[in-house]
Amino acid sequence: MDDYTGKAITLSLYPDPVTDYCTVQINQELNGRLRIYDVFGRICYQQMISGRQWSFPFEQVPGYYLLEIVGTTGAVRTSFLKK
């Protein structure tokens, strides 16, 4: 978000590469939305989130994906490999 002036959001995703389950952790409390996109920009997974850490099953085909977390205090994106 362009108007974000607070603390930067940092993200950890594990295991790396992702297998059948994925855990995401950020450095601050956040209410918002988590989405995962495939290389074609299609949404593969999404959920509303609250807190600092989330675990969820990720049973997509192997490949590269983009994880995006968007909340009222900012946004963060990272790519990852699904094995």
N, C-alpha and C. Protein backbone atom coordinates (compact mmCIF):
# COMPACT_ATOMS: atom_id res chain seq x y z
N MET A 1 0.85 -1.18 0.00
CA MET A 1 0.00 0.00 0.00
C MET A 1 0.89 1.24 0.00
N ASP A 2 0.62 2.17 -0.83
CA ASP A 2 1.46 3.34 -0.97
C ASP A 2 1.44 4.26 0.23
N ASP A 3 0.34 4.32 0.96
CA ASP A 3 0.23 5.27 2.06
C ASP A 3 0.67 4.66 3.40
N TYR A 4 1.28 3.51 3.37
CA TYR A 4 1.73 2.85 4.60
C TYR A 4 2.96 3.55 5.16
N THR A 5 2.89 4.01 6.40
CA THR A 5 4.01 4.74 7.01
C THR A 5 4.51 4.08 8.28
N GLY A 6 3.96 2.96 8.67
CA GLY A 6 4.37 2.29 9.91
C GLY A 6 5.51 1.32 9.67
N LYS A 7 5.66 0.39 10.59
CA LYS A 7 6.71 -0.62 10.55
C LYS A 7 6.53 -1.55 9.34
N ALA A 8 7.63 -1.86 8.68
CA ALA A 8 7.58 -2.74 7.52
C ALA A 8 7.20 -4.16 7.94
N ILE A 9 6.41 -4.82 7.13
CA ILE A 9 6.02 -6.20 7.39
C ILE A 9 7.10 -7.12 6.82
N THR A 10 7.62 -8.03 7.64
CA THR A 10 8.54 -9.04 7.15
C THR A 10 7.88 -10.40 7.29
N LEU A 11 8.22 -11.30 6.40
CA LEU A 11 7.52 -12.57 6.28
C LEU A 11 8.51 -13.73 6.28
N SER A 12 8.13 -14.82 6.94
CA SER A 12 8.86 -16.09 6.87
C SER A 12 7.89 -17.15 6.41
N LEU A 13 8.35 -17.99 5.50
CA LEU A 13 7.52 -19.07 4.96
C LEU A 13 8.32 -20.36 5.06
N TYR A 14 7.74 -21.40 5.62
CA TYR A 14 8.45 -22.67 5.72
C TYR A 14 7.45 -23.82 5.70
N PRO A 15 7.90 -25.05 5.34
CA PRO A 15 9.26 -25.37 4.93
C PRO A 15 9.57 -24.78 3.56
N ASP A 16 10.83 -24.76 3.21
CA ASP A 16 11.26 -24.22 1.93
C ASP A 16 12.17 -25.23 1.26
N PRO A 17 11.75 -25.88 0.19
CA PRO A 17 10.50 -25.66 -0.52
C PRO A 17 9.30 -26.24 0.23
N VAL A 18 8.12 -25.72 -0.10
CA VAL A 18 6.87 -26.17 0.51
C VAL A 18 6.56 -27.59 0.04
N THR A 19 6.05 -28.41 0.96
CA THR A 19 5.62 -29.76 0.59
C THR A 19 4.09 -29.78 0.57
N ASP A 20 3.46 -30.52 1.48
CA ASP A 20 1.99 -30.58 1.50
C ASP A 20 1.36 -29.60 2.47
N TYR A 21 2.17 -29.00 3.33
CA TYR A 21 1.68 -28.06 4.33
C TYR A 21 2.60 -26.86 4.36
N CYS A 22 2.06 -25.69 4.66
CA CYS A 22 2.83 -24.46 4.63
C CYS A 22 2.54 -23.65 5.89
N THR A 23 3.57 -23.03 6.45
CA THR A 23 3.41 -22.14 7.59
C THR A 23 3.96 -20.77 7.21
N VAL A 24 3.20 -19.73 7.50
CA VAL A 24 3.59 -18.35 7.22
C VAL A 24 3.60 -17.59 8.54
N GLN A 25 4.66 -16.82 8.76
CA GLN A 25 4.78 -16.03 9.97
C GLN A 25 5.23 -14.62 9.59
N ILE A 26 4.62 -13.60 10.23
CA ILE A 26 5.03 -12.22 10.00
C ILE A 26 5.40 -11.57 11.33
N ASN A 27 6.00 -10.39 11.26
CA ASN A 27 6.57 -9.75 12.44
C ASN A 27 5.61 -8.86 13.21
N GLN A 28 4.33 -8.81 12.83
CA GLN A 28 3.37 -7.97 13.54
C GLN A 28 1.95 -8.52 13.39
N GLU A 29 1.08 -8.14 14.31
CA GLU A 29 -0.33 -8.53 14.22
C GLU A 29 -0.93 -7.94 12.96
N LEU A 30 -1.76 -8.74 12.29
CA LEU A 30 -2.36 -8.28 11.04
C LEU A 30 -3.72 -8.91 10.86
N ASN A 31 -4.68 -8.14 10.41
CA ASN A 31 -5.98 -8.63 9.98
C ASN A 31 -6.07 -8.36 8.50
N GLY A 32 -6.36 -9.37 7.73
CA GLY A 32 -6.42 -9.15 6.29
C GLY A 32 -6.69 -10.42 5.52
N ARG A 33 -6.00 -10.54 4.38
CA ARG A 33 -6.25 -11.63 3.43
C ARG A 33 -4.91 -12.21 2.97
N LEU A 34 -4.85 -13.53 2.92
CA LEU A 34 -3.72 -14.24 2.38
C LEU A 34 -4.17 -14.88 1.07
N ARG A 35 -3.38 -14.68 0.01
CA ARG A 35 -3.68 -15.31 -1.28
C ARG A 35 -2.41 -15.91 -1.85
N ILE A 36 -2.58 -17.01 -2.57
CA ILE A 36 -1.48 -17.62 -3.30
C ILE A 36 -1.89 -17.71 -4.76
N TYR A 37 -0.98 -17.24 -5.64
CA TYR A 37 -1.22 -17.22 -7.08
C TYR A 37 -0.26 -18.17 -7.77
N ASP A 38 -0.72 -18.79 -8.86
CA ASP A 38 0.19 -19.59 -9.67
C ASP A 38 0.90 -18.68 -10.67
N VAL A 39 1.74 -19.25 -11.52
CA VAL A 39 2.54 -18.44 -12.46
C VAL A 39 1.67 -17.75 -13.52
N PHE A 40 0.42 -18.16 -13.65
CA PHE A 40 -0.49 -17.55 -14.61
C PHE A 40 -1.36 -16.46 -13.97
N GLY A 41 -1.16 -16.20 -12.67
CA GLY A 41 -1.92 -15.17 -11.98
C GLY A 41 -3.25 -15.64 -11.42
N ARG A 42 -3.51 -16.94 -11.49
CA ARG A 42 -4.76 -17.49 -10.94
C ARG A 42 -4.62 -17.70 -9.44
N ILE A 43 -5.69 -17.42 -8.71
CA ILE A 43 -5.69 -17.65 -7.26
C ILE A 43 -5.82 -19.14 -7.01
N CYS A 44 -4.83 -19.70 -6.30
CA CYS A 44 -4.83 -21.14 -5.96
C CYS A 44 -5.33 -21.38 -4.56
N TYR A 45 -5.18 -20.39 -3.70
CA TYR A 45 -5.56 -20.54 -2.30
C TYR A 45 -5.80 -19.16 -1.73
N GLN A 46 -6.81 -19.03 -0.86
CA GLN A 46 -7.02 -17.76 -0.17
C GLN A 46 -7.74 -18.00 1.14
N GLN A 47 -7.46 -17.14 2.11
CA GLN A 47 -8.17 -17.20 3.38
C GLN A 47 -8.04 -15.84 4.06
N MET A 48 -9.03 -15.53 4.88
CA MET A 48 -8.96 -14.35 5.73
C MET A 48 -8.06 -14.71 6.90
N ILE A 49 -7.24 -13.76 7.34
CA ILE A 49 -6.27 -14.05 8.39
C ILE A 49 -6.33 -13.01 9.50
N SER A 50 -5.88 -13.42 10.66
CA SER A 50 -5.78 -12.55 11.82
C SER A 50 -4.67 -13.10 12.69
N GLY A 51 -3.76 -12.25 13.14
CA GLY A 51 -2.68 -12.69 14.00
C GLY A 51 -1.33 -12.53 13.35
N ARG A 52 -0.39 -13.43 13.70
CA ARG A 52 0.98 -13.36 13.20
C ARG A 52 1.44 -14.63 12.50
N GLN A 53 0.72 -15.74 12.67
CA GLN A 53 1.17 -17.00 12.09
C GLN A 53 -0.02 -17.83 11.64
N TRP A 54 0.15 -18.49 10.47
CA TRP A 54 -0.90 -19.32 9.90
C TRP A 54 -0.28 -20.57 9.28
N SER A 55 -0.95 -21.68 9.43
CA SER A 55 -0.56 -22.94 8.78
C SER A 55 -1.76 -23.45 8.01
N PHE A 56 -1.48 -24.01 6.84
CA PHE A 56 -2.57 -24.48 5.99
C PHE A 56 -2.05 -25.53 5.02
N PRO A 57 -2.93 -26.43 4.56
CA PRO A 57 -2.52 -27.41 3.56
C PRO A 57 -2.33 -26.72 2.21
N PHE A 58 -1.33 -27.17 1.46
CA PHE A 58 -1.10 -26.63 0.12
C PHE A 58 -0.78 -27.79 -0.81
N GLU A 59 -1.81 -28.29 -1.46
CA GLU A 59 -1.69 -29.51 -2.24
C GLU A 59 -1.72 -29.25 -3.74
N GLN A 60 -1.13 -28.16 -4.17
CA GLN A 60 -1.06 -27.84 -5.59
C GLN A 60 0.07 -28.63 -6.25
N VAL A 61 0.12 -28.59 -7.57
CA VAL A 61 1.18 -29.26 -8.32
C VAL A 61 2.51 -28.55 -8.06
N PRO A 62 3.63 -29.26 -8.21
CA PRO A 62 4.94 -28.62 -8.02
C PRO A 62 5.11 -27.43 -8.96
N GLY A 63 5.81 -26.41 -8.48
CA GLY A 63 6.07 -25.22 -9.30
C GLY A 63 6.30 -24.00 -8.44
N TYR A 64 6.39 -22.86 -9.09
CA TYR A 64 6.58 -21.59 -8.40
C TYR A 64 5.25 -20.90 -8.15
N TYR A 65 5.13 -20.25 -7.00
CA TYR A 65 3.90 -19.58 -6.60
C TYR A 65 4.25 -18.23 -5.96
N LEU A 66 3.28 -17.33 -5.94
CA LEU A 66 3.42 -16.03 -5.29
C LEU A 66 2.45 -15.98 -4.12
N LEU A 67 2.97 -15.68 -2.94
CA LEU A 67 2.15 -15.51 -1.75
C LEU A 67 2.01 -14.02 -1.48
N GLU A 68 0.78 -13.58 -1.24
CA GLU A 68 0.50 -12.16 -0.98
C GLU A 68 -0.33 -12.07 0.29
N ILE A 69 0.10 -11.20 1.20
CA ILE A 69 -0.67 -10.89 2.40
C ILE A 69 -0.99 -9.41 2.35
N VAL A 70 -2.29 -9.08 2.43
CA VAL A 70 -2.73 -7.69 2.39
C VAL A 70 -3.57 -7.43 3.62
N GLY A 71 -3.22 -6.38 4.36
CA GLY A 71 -3.97 -6.01 5.55
C GLY A 71 -4.16 -4.51 5.60
N THR A 72 -4.78 -4.05 6.66
CA THR A 72 -5.04 -2.62 6.80
C THR A 72 -3.77 -1.82 7.07
N THR A 73 -2.70 -2.50 7.53
CA THR A 73 -1.45 -1.80 7.84
C THR A 73 -0.37 -1.97 6.78
N GLY A 74 -0.66 -2.70 5.72
CA GLY A 74 0.34 -2.87 4.67
C GLY A 74 0.16 -4.16 3.92
N ALA A 75 1.14 -4.44 3.05
CA ALA A 75 1.10 -5.64 2.23
C ALA A 75 2.51 -6.18 2.08
N VAL A 76 2.59 -7.48 1.86
CA VAL A 76 3.88 -8.13 1.61
C VAL A 76 3.66 -9.27 0.62
N ARG A 77 4.65 -9.49 -0.24
CA ARG A 77 4.59 -10.55 -1.24
C ARG A 77 5.92 -11.27 -1.28
N THR A 78 5.84 -12.57 -1.56
CA THR A 78 7.06 -13.36 -1.75
C THR A 78 6.74 -14.52 -2.66
N SER A 79 7.74 -15.00 -3.37
CA SER A 79 7.56 -16.19 -4.19
C SER A 79 8.14 -17.39 -3.46
N PHE A 80 7.65 -18.58 -3.82
CA PHE A 80 8.15 -19.80 -3.21
C PHE A 80 7.99 -20.96 -4.16
N LEU A 81 8.70 -22.03 -3.86
CA LEU A 81 8.67 -23.24 -4.66
C LEU A 81 7.87 -24.31 -3.94
N LYS A 82 6.95 -24.96 -4.64
CA LYS A 82 6.21 -26.11 -4.14
C LYS A 82 6.85 -27.34 -4.73
N LYS A 83 7.31 -28.25 -3.87
CA LYS A 83 7.98 -29.46 -4.33
C LYS A 83 7.02 -30.60 -4.50
